[in-house]
Structures are given as C-alpha cells and as structure tokens.
Amino acid sequence: MSVFSISPKDGSLTFIEVFPAGGSYARQFALNKGGNLVAVGLQQTGSISILERDLTSGVFKREVASIAIGGGEVVCAVWDE
C-alpha cells in the first residue's frame, strides 16, 4: 500500500510511505467510516487484511487482523457499517 500526500496548492503528490498489504496482489481496498481502518482484498492470497491507519498523517500503523476467505480469489472488501 502506497501513501501520498496531496498538495492543496496545486494537487501534486508527495510520496510518504509503502506499507505491506498483508498478502499477495492487493486488488482493492475500502476505508471504514471512521477512516482509521482499511480492509484490503488480497486476490492471490485469498484473504482480507485489516490495516490500522493514522487519521492525521494517513500513514499505516500495523496490520490488526487477517481473514482467510475460502474458495478462491478475493477481488473486493466492503465494510458493513
């Protein structure tokens, strides 16, 4: 997972960090309503990784959970809030 900041002045991007997604081929991700958790659909690993995110800086702190999904590839993750 790559994190960039967006300049309010001209919209240019500045690289902040690369953080491990928790598996192979991060196909899609979704933020929860609070913005502090990110669910990452890992297609080739067949799992969902939940990453904690700092609300102020946007950087990832740690992986807080990993959920194996049986039966094949994961192509998306959706929060039910």
PDB file of N, CA and C in Angstrom:
ATOM      1  N   MET A   1       0.849  -1.156   0.000  1.00  0.00           N
ATOM      2  CA  MET A   1       0.000   0.000   0.000  1.00  0.00           C
ATOM      3  C   MET A   1       0.905   1.232   0.000  1.00  0.00           C
ATOM      4  N   SER A   2       0.635   2.121  -0.945  1.00  0.00           N
ATOM      5  CA  SER A   2       1.416   3.357  -1.065  1.00  0.00           C
ATOM      6  C   SER A   2       0.610   4.526  -0.513  1.00  0.00           C
ATOM      7  N   VAL A   3       1.290   5.409   0.191  1.00  0.00           N
ATOM      8  CA  VAL A   3       0.637   6.585   0.765  1.00  0.00           C
ATOM      9  C   VAL A   3       1.302   7.834   0.181  1.00  0.00           C
ATOM     10  N   PHE A   4       0.471   8.756  -0.272  1.00  0.00           N
ATOM     11  CA  PHE A   4       0.926  10.032  -0.804  1.00  0.00           C
ATOM     12  C   PHE A   4       0.156  11.152  -0.122  1.00  0.00           C
ATOM     13  N   SER A   5       0.750  12.319  -0.024  1.00  0.00           N
ATOM     14  CA  SER A   5       0.002  13.494   0.411  1.00  0.00           C
ATOM     15  C   SER A   5      -0.329  14.306  -0.841  1.00  0.00           C
ATOM     16  N   ILE A   6      -1.457  15.013  -0.785  1.00  0.00           N
ATOM     17  CA  ILE A   6      -1.909  15.827  -1.916  1.00  0.00           C
ATOM     18  C   ILE A   6      -1.747  17.296  -1.545  1.00  0.00           C
ATOM     19  N   SER A   7      -1.032  18.040  -2.375  1.00  0.00           N
ATOM     20  CA  SER A   7      -0.827  19.463  -2.132  1.00  0.00           C
ATOM     21  C   SER A   7      -2.137  20.220  -2.356  1.00  0.00           C
ATOM     22  N   PRO A   8      -2.585  20.999  -1.344  1.00  0.00           N
ATOM     23  CA  PRO A   8      -3.802  21.785  -1.528  1.00  0.00           C
ATOM     24  C   PRO A   8      -3.585  22.934  -2.524  1.00  0.00           C
ATOM     25  N   LYS A   9      -2.338  23.257  -2.766  1.00  0.00           N
ATOM     26  CA  LYS A   9      -1.983  24.364  -3.657  1.00  0.00           C
ATOM     27  C   LYS A   9      -2.203  24.026  -5.135  1.00  0.00           C
ATOM     28  N   ASP A  10      -1.617  22.867  -5.560  1.00  0.00           N
ATOM     29  CA  ASP A  10      -1.683  22.522  -6.981  1.00  0.00           C
ATOM     30  C   ASP A  10      -2.101  21.082  -7.260  1.00  0.00           C
ATOM     31  N   GLY A  11      -2.414  20.328  -6.213  1.00  0.00           N
ATOM     32  CA  GLY A  11      -2.851  18.940  -6.396  1.00  0.00           C
ATOM     33  C   GLY A  11      -1.729  17.952  -6.661  1.00  0.00           C
ATOM     34  N   SER A  12      -0.481  18.398  -6.569  1.00  0.00           N
ATOM     35  CA  SER A  12       0.637  17.487  -6.806  1.00  0.00           C
ATOM     36  C   SER A  12       0.760  16.498  -5.649  1.00  0.00           C
ATOM     37  N   LEU A  13       1.352  15.337  -5.949  1.00  0.00           N
ATOM     38  CA  LEU A  13       1.505  14.278  -4.959  1.00  0.00           C
ATOM     39  C   LEU A  13       2.923  14.235  -4.421  1.00  0.00           C
ATOM     40  N   THR A  14       3.036  13.946  -3.117  1.00  0.00           N
ATOM     41  CA  THR A  14       4.324  13.733  -2.474  1.00  0.00           C
ATOM     42  C   THR A  14       4.299  12.354  -1.828  1.00  0.00           C
ATOM     43  N   PHE A  15       5.287  11.518  -2.156  1.00  0.00           N
ATOM     44  CA  PHE A  15       5.364  10.172  -1.610  1.00  0.00           C
ATOM     45  C   PHE A  15       5.605  10.218  -0.104  1.00  0.00           C
ATOM     46  N   ILE A  16       4.851   9.391   0.651  1.00  0.00           N
ATOM     47  CA  ILE A  16       5.021   9.305   2.105  1.00  0.00           C
ATOM     48  C   ILE A  16       5.603   7.955   2.514  1.00  0.00           C
ATOM     49  N   GLU A  17       4.970   6.838   2.099  1.00  0.00           N
ATOM     50  CA  GLU A  17       5.450   5.521   2.510  1.00  0.00           C
ATOM     51  C   GLU A  17       4.885   4.410   1.637  1.00  0.00           C
ATOM     52  N   VAL A  18       5.525   3.240   1.748  1.00  0.00           N
ATOM     53  CA  VAL A  18       4.989   1.983   1.230  1.00  0.00           C
ATOM     54  C   VAL A  18       4.847   1.077   2.436  1.00  0.00           C
ATOM     55  N   PHE A  19       3.667   0.449   2.578  1.00  0.00           N
ATOM     56  CA  PHE A  19       3.377  -0.399   3.730  1.00  0.00           C
ATOM     57  C   PHE A  19       2.913  -1.758   3.218  1.00  0.00           C
ATOM     58  N   PRO A  20       3.362  -2.873   3.845  1.00  0.00           N
ATOM     59  CA  PRO A  20       2.934  -4.196   3.392  1.00  0.00           C
ATOM     60  C   PRO A  20       1.409  -4.366   3.487  1.00  0.00           C
ATOM     61  N   ALA A  21       0.813  -4.871   2.427  1.00  0.00           N
ATOM     62  CA  ALA A  21      -0.640  -5.055   2.384  1.00  0.00           C
ATOM     63  C   ALA A  21      -1.102  -6.282   3.169  1.00  0.00           C
ATOM     64  N   GLY A  22      -0.189  -7.181   3.478  1.00  0.00           N
ATOM     65  CA  GLY A  22      -0.546  -8.366   4.248  1.00  0.00           C
ATOM     66  C   GLY A  22      -0.704  -9.615   3.411  1.00  0.00           C
ATOM     67  N   GLY A  23      -0.456  -9.518   2.112  1.00  0.00           N
ATOM     68  CA  GLY A  23      -0.574 -10.682   1.235  1.00  0.00           C
ATOM     69  C   GLY A  23      -0.219 -10.315  -0.184  1.00  0.00           C
ATOM     70  N   SER A  24      -0.652 -11.167  -1.101  1.00  0.00           N
ATOM     71  CA  SER A  24      -0.270 -11.021  -2.493  1.00  0.00           C
ATOM     72  C   SER A  24      -1.395 -10.449  -3.352  1.00  0.00           C
ATOM     73  N   TYR A  25      -1.048  -9.484  -4.168  1.00  0.00           N
ATOM     74  CA  TYR A  25      -1.917  -8.833  -5.145  1.00  0.00           C
ATOM     75  C   TYR A  25      -3.086  -8.112  -4.475  1.00  0.00           C
ATOM     76  N   ALA A  26      -2.782  -6.965  -3.891  1.00  0.00           N
ATOM     77  CA  ALA A  26      -3.815  -6.122  -3.264  1.00  0.00           C
ATOM     78  C   ALA A  26      -4.720  -5.584  -4.367  1.00  0.00           C
ATOM     79  N   ARG A  27      -5.872  -6.205  -4.539  1.00  0.00           N
ATOM     80  CA  ARG A  27      -6.766  -5.907  -5.658  1.00  0.00           C
ATOM     81  C   ARG A  27      -7.592  -4.644  -5.419  1.00  0.00           C
ATOM     82  N   GLN A  28      -8.060  -4.467  -4.172  1.00  0.00           N
ATOM     83  CA  GLN A  28      -8.966  -3.363  -3.875  1.00  0.00           C
ATOM     84  C   GLN A  28      -8.896  -3.082  -2.384  1.00  0.00           C
ATOM     85  N   PHE A  29      -9.225  -1.858  -1.981  1.00  0.00           N
ATOM     86  CA  PHE A  29      -9.278  -1.554  -0.551  1.00  0.00           C
ATOM     87  C   PHE A  29     -10.461  -0.645  -0.261  1.00  0.00           C
ATOM     88  N   ALA A  30     -10.887  -0.641   1.007  1.00  0.00           N
ATOM     89  CA  ALA A  30     -12.003   0.201   1.439  1.00  0.00           C
ATOM     90  C   ALA A  30     -11.721   0.714   2.847  1.00  0.00           C
ATOM     91  N   LEU A  31     -11.975   2.003   3.059  1.00  0.00           N
ATOM     92  CA  LEU A  31     -11.841   2.596   4.386  1.00  0.00           C
ATOM     93  C   LEU A  31     -13.152   2.459   5.144  1.00  0.00           C
ATOM     94  N   ASN A  32     -13.046   2.263   6.464  1.00  0.00           N
ATOM     95  CA  ASN A  32     -14.260   2.257   7.283  1.00  0.00           C
ATOM     96  C   ASN A  32     -14.752   3.701   7.447  1.00  0.00           C
ATOM     97  N   LYS A  33     -15.933   3.884   8.038  1.00  0.00           N
ATOM     98  CA  LYS A  33     -16.499   5.238   8.190  1.00  0.00           C
ATOM     99  C   LYS A  33     -15.586   6.162   8.972  1.00  0.00           C
ATOM    100  N   GLY A  34     -14.918   5.625   9.994  1.00  0.00           N
ATOM    101  CA  GLY A  34     -14.025   6.439  10.813  1.00  0.00           C
ATOM    102  C   GLY A  34     -12.726   6.801  10.119  1.00  0.00           C
ATOM    103  N   GLY A  35     -12.377   6.063   9.058  1.00  0.00           N
ATOM    104  CA  GLY A  35     -11.154   6.332   8.318  1.00  0.00           C
ATOM    105  C   GLY A  35      -9.894   5.783   8.949  1.00  0.00           C
ATOM    106  N   ASN A  36     -10.036   5.110  10.098  1.00  0.00           N
ATOM    107  CA  ASN A  36      -8.854   4.602  10.802  1.00  0.00           C
ATOM    108  C   ASN A  36      -8.519   3.147  10.470  1.00  0.00           C
ATOM    109  N   LEU A  37      -9.407   2.451   9.742  1.00  0.00           N
ATOM    110  CA  LEU A  37      -9.164   1.070   9.341  1.00  0.00           C
ATOM    111  C   LEU A  37      -9.351   0.930   7.837  1.00  0.00           C
ATOM    112  N   VAL A  38      -8.503   0.106   7.240  1.00  0.00           N
ATOM    113  CA  VAL A  38      -8.578  -0.154   5.807  1.00  0.00           C
ATOM    114  C   VAL A  38      -8.657  -1.658   5.600  1.00  0.00           C
ATOM    115  N   ALA A  39      -9.689  -2.112   4.896  1.00  0.00           N
ATOM    116  CA  ALA A  39      -9.816  -3.520   4.522  1.00  0.00           C
ATOM    117  C   ALA A  39      -9.232  -3.677   3.131  1.00  0.00           C
ATOM    118  N   VAL A  40      -8.276  -4.598   2.979  1.00  0.00           N
ATOM    119  CA  VAL A  40      -7.592  -4.803   1.707  1.00  0.00           C
ATOM    120  C   VAL A  40      -7.934  -6.189   1.181  1.00  0.00           C
ATOM    121  N   GLY A  41      -8.526  -6.252  -0.015  1.00  0.00           N
ATOM    122  CA  GLY A  41      -8.803  -7.528  -0.664  1.00  0.00           C
ATOM    123  C   GLY A  41      -7.550  -8.027  -1.354  1.00  0.00           C
ATOM    124  N   LEU A  42      -7.040  -9.173  -0.903  1.00  0.00           N
ATOM    125  CA  LEU A  42      -5.794  -9.736  -1.429  1.00  0.00           C
ATOM    126  C   LEU A  42      -6.131 -10.902  -2.361  1.00  0.00           C
ATOM    127  N   GLN A  43      -6.137 -10.628  -3.641  1.00  0.00           N
ATOM    128  CA  GLN A  43      -6.656 -11.565  -4.629  1.00  0.00           C
ATOM    129  C   GLN A  43      -5.943 -12.907  -4.618  1.00  0.00           C
ATOM    130  N   GLN A  44      -4.647 -12.924  -4.776  1.00  0.00           N
ATOM    131  CA  GLN A  44      -3.941 -14.194  -4.899  1.00  0.00           C
ATOM    132  C   GLN A  44      -3.762 -14.912  -3.570  1.00  0.00           C
ATOM    133  N   THR A  45      -3.777 -14.191  -2.470  1.00  0.00           N
ATOM    134  CA  THR A  45      -3.666 -14.807  -1.148  1.00  0.00           C
ATOM    135  C   THR A  45      -5.001 -15.385  -0.699  1.00  0.00           C
ATOM    136  N   GLY A  46      -6.107 -14.871  -1.241  1.00  0.00           N
ATOM    137  CA  GLY A  46      -7.434 -15.347  -0.856  1.00  0.00           C
ATOM    138  C   GLY A  46      -7.804 -14.910   0.549  1.00  0.00           C
ATOM    139  N   SER A  47      -7.455 -13.664   0.879  1.00  0.00           N
ATOM    140  CA  SER A  47      -7.735 -13.168   2.229  1.00  0.00           C
ATOM    141  C   SER A  47      -8.025 -11.671   2.208  1.00  0.00           C
ATOM    142  N   ILE A  48      -8.473 -11.200   3.370  1.00  0.00           N
ATOM    143  CA  ILE A  48      -8.680  -9.770   3.592  1.00  0.00           C
ATOM    144  C   ILE A  48      -7.773  -9.382   4.749  1.00  0.00           C
ATOM    145  N   SER A  49      -7.033  -8.311   4.572  1.00  0.00           N
ATOM    146  CA  SER A  49      -6.166  -7.788   5.618  1.00  0.00           C
ATOM    147  C   SER A  49      -6.785  -6.487   6.122  1.00  0.00           C
ATOM    148  N   ILE A  50      -6.790  -6.299   7.445  1.00  0.00           N
ATOM    149  CA  ILE A  50      -7.286  -5.065   8.045  1.00  0.00           C
ATOM    150  C   ILE A  50      -6.088  -4.297   8.593  1.00  0.00           C
ATOM    151  N   LEU A  51      -5.886  -3.096   8.049  1.00  0.00           N
ATOM    152  CA  LEU A  51      -4.755  -2.258   8.453  1.00  0.00           C
ATOM    153  C   LEU A  51      -5.251  -1.057   9.246  1.00  0.00           C
ATOM    154  N   GLU A  52      -4.517  -0.726  10.301  1.00  0.00           N
ATOM    155  CA  GLU A  52      -4.831   0.473  11.083  1.00  0.00           C
ATOM    156  C   GLU A  52      -4.111   1.658  10.460  1.00  0.00           C
ATOM    157  N   ARG A  53      -4.802   2.804  10.400  1.00  0.00           N
ATOM    158  CA  ARG A  53      -4.290   3.995   9.731  1.00  0.00           C
ATOM    159  C   ARG A  53      -4.370   5.202  10.665  1.00  0.00           C
ATOM    160  N   ASP A  54      -3.329   6.024  10.679  1.00  0.00           N
ATOM    161  CA  ASP A  54      -3.321   7.255  11.469  1.00  0.00           C
ATOM    162  C   ASP A  54      -4.177   8.303  10.753  1.00  0.00           C
ATOM    163  N   LEU A  55      -5.153   8.866  11.447  1.00  0.00           N
ATOM    164  CA  LEU A  55      -6.076   9.819  10.840  1.00  0.00           C
ATOM    165  C   LEU A  55      -5.422  11.148  10.457  1.00  0.00           C
ATOM    166  N   THR A  56      -4.415  11.553  11.185  1.00  0.00           N
ATOM    167  CA  THR A  56      -3.764  12.837  10.913  1.00  0.00           C
ATOM    168  C   THR A  56      -2.803  12.759   9.733  1.00  0.00           C
ATOM    169  N   SER A  57      -1.918  11.780   9.759  1.00  0.00           N
ATOM    170  CA  SER A  57      -0.884  11.681   8.721  1.00  0.00           C
ATOM    171  C   SER A  57      -1.285  10.803   7.549  1.00  0.00           C
ATOM    172  N   GLY A  58      -2.218   9.881   7.768  1.00  0.00           N
ATOM    173  CA  GLY A  58      -2.620   8.944   6.722  1.00  0.00           C
ATOM    174  C   GLY A  58      -1.732   7.718   6.624  1.00  0.00           C
ATOM    175  N   VAL A  59      -0.648   7.669   7.396  1.00  0.00           N
ATOM    176  CA  VAL A  59       0.260   6.520   7.327  1.00  0.00           C
ATOM    177  C   VAL A  59      -0.355   5.310   8.040  1.00  0.00           C
ATOM    178  N   PHE A  60       0.059   4.136   7.592  1.00  0.00           N
ATOM    179  CA  PHE A  60      -0.414   2.902   8.214  1.00  0.00           C
ATOM    180  C   PHE A  60       0.412   2.597   9.450  1.00  0.00           C
ATOM    181  N   LYS A  61      -0.262   2.104  10.493  1.00  0.00           N
ATOM    182  CA  LYS A  61       0.411   1.779  11.749  1.00  0.00           C
ATOM    183  C   LYS A  61       0.783   0.309  11.822  1.00  0.00           C
ATOM    184  N   ARG A  62      -0.212  -0.574  11.555  1.00  0.00           N
ATOM    185  CA  ARG A  62       0.027  -2.011  11.694  1.00  0.00           C
ATOM    186  C   ARG A  62      -1.139  -2.783  11.092  1.00  0.00           C
ATOM    187  N   GLU A  63      -0.902  -4.061  10.860  1.00  0.00           N
ATOM    188  CA  GLU A  63      -1.989  -4.952  10.463  1.00  0.00           C
ATOM    189  C   GLU A  63      -2.672  -5.416  11.749  1.00  0.00           C
ATOM    190  N   VAL A  64      -3.969  -5.216  11.853  1.00  0.00           N
ATOM    191  CA  VAL A  64      -4.682  -5.586  13.078  1.00  0.00           C
ATOM    192  C   VAL A  64      -5.437  -6.902  12.939  1.00  0.00           C
ATOM    193  N   ALA A  65      -5.683  -7.352  11.709  1.00  0.00           N
ATOM    194  CA  ALA A  65      -6.379  -8.626  11.509  1.00  0.00           C
ATOM    195  C   ALA A  65      -6.149  -9.114  10.088  1.00  0.00           C
ATOM    196  N   SER A  66      -6.289 -10.427   9.921  1.00  0.00           N
ATOM    197  CA  SER A  66      -6.235 -11.049   8.607  1.00  0.00           C
ATOM    198  C   SER A  66      -7.302 -12.127   8.588  1.00  0.00           C
ATOM    199  N   ILE A  67      -8.106 -12.135   7.540  1.00  0.00           N
ATOM    200  CA  ILE A  67      -9.230 -13.065   7.453  1.00  0.00           C
ATOM    201  C   ILE A  67      -9.073 -13.888   6.184  1.00  0.00           C
ATOM    202  N   ALA A  68      -8.891 -15.206   6.329  1.00  0.00           N
ATOM    203  CA  ALA A  68      -8.801 -16.088   5.165  1.00  0.00           C
ATOM    204  C   ALA A  68     -10.207 -16.330   4.630  1.00  0.00           C
ATOM    205  N   ILE A  69     -10.355 -16.172   3.317  1.00  0.00           N
ATOM    206  CA  ILE A  69     -11.633 -16.406   2.658  1.00  0.00           C
ATOM    207  C   ILE A  69     -11.476 -17.671   1.823  1.00  0.00           C
ATOM    208  N   GLY A  70     -12.186 -18.710   2.180  1.00  0.00           N
ATOM    209  CA  GLY A  70     -12.077 -19.973   1.447  1.00  0.00           C
ATOM    210  C   GLY A  70     -12.755 -19.909   0.091  1.00  0.00           C
ATOM    211  N   GLY A  71     -12.270 -20.703  -0.830  1.00  0.00           N
ATOM    212  CA  GLY A  71     -12.954 -20.838  -2.104  1.00  0.00           C
ATOM    213  C   GLY A  71     -12.431 -20.003  -3.246  1.00  0.00           C
ATOM    214  N   GLY A  72     -11.259 -19.430  -3.127  1.00  0.00           N
ATOM    215  CA  GLY A  72     -10.719 -18.747  -4.291  1.00  0.00           C
ATOM    216  C   GLY A  72     -10.207 -17.349  -4.055  1.00  0.00           C
ATOM    217  N   GLU A  73     -10.225 -16.575  -5.126  1.00  0.00           N
ATOM    218  CA  GLU A  73      -9.632 -15.256  -5.119  1.00  0.00           C
ATOM    219  C   GLU A  73     -10.570 -14.206  -4.529  1.00  0.00           C
ATOM    220  N   VAL A  74      -9.995 -13.267  -3.801  1.00  0.00           N
ATOM    221  CA  VAL A  74     -10.745 -12.144  -3.238  1.00  0.00           C
ATOM    222  C   VAL A  74     -10.535 -10.946  -4.154  1.00  0.00           C
ATOM    223  N   VAL A  75     -11.625 -10.362  -4.630  1.00  0.00           N
ATOM    224  CA  VAL A  75     -11.491  -9.225  -5.538  1.00  0.00           C
ATOM    225  C   VAL A  75     -11.958  -7.908  -4.933  1.00  0.00           C
ATOM    226  N   CYS A  76     -12.625  -7.942  -3.762  1.00  0.00           N
ATOM    227  CA  CYS A  76     -13.016  -6.688  -3.122  1.00  0.00           C
ATOM    228  C   CYS A  76     -13.277  -6.912  -1.638  1.00  0.00           C
ATOM    229  N   ALA A  77     -13.289  -5.811  -0.910  1.00  0.00           N
ATOM    230  CA  ALA A  77     -13.620  -5.800   0.518  1.00  0.00           C
ATOM    231  C   ALA A  77     -14.580  -4.638   0.756  1.00  0.00           C
ATOM    232  N   VAL A  78     -15.634  -4.881   1.523  1.00  0.00           N
ATOM    233  CA  VAL A  78     -16.661  -3.861   1.765  1.00  0.00           C
ATOM    234  C   VAL A  78     -16.983  -3.850   3.258  1.00  0.00           C
ATOM    235  N   TRP A  79     -17.010  -2.665   3.837  1.00  0.00           N
ATOM    236  CA  TRP A  79     -17.399  -2.527   5.245  1.00  0.00           C
ATOM    237  C   TRP A  79     -18.933  -2.518   5.335  1.00  0.00           C
ATOM    238  N   ASP A  80     -19.488  -3.212   6.319  1.00  0.00           N
ATOM    239  CA  ASP A  80     -20.933  -3.219   6.571  1.00  0.00           C
ATOM    240  C   ASP A  80     -21.151  -2.439   7.858  1.00  0.00           C
ATOM    241  N   GLU A  81     -21.247  -1.123   7.732  1.00  0.00           N
ATOM    242  CA  GLU A  81     -21.390  -0.265   8.912  1.00  0.00           C
ATOM    243  C   GLU A  81     -22.708   0.466   8.876  1.00  0.00           C
TER     244      GLU A  81
END
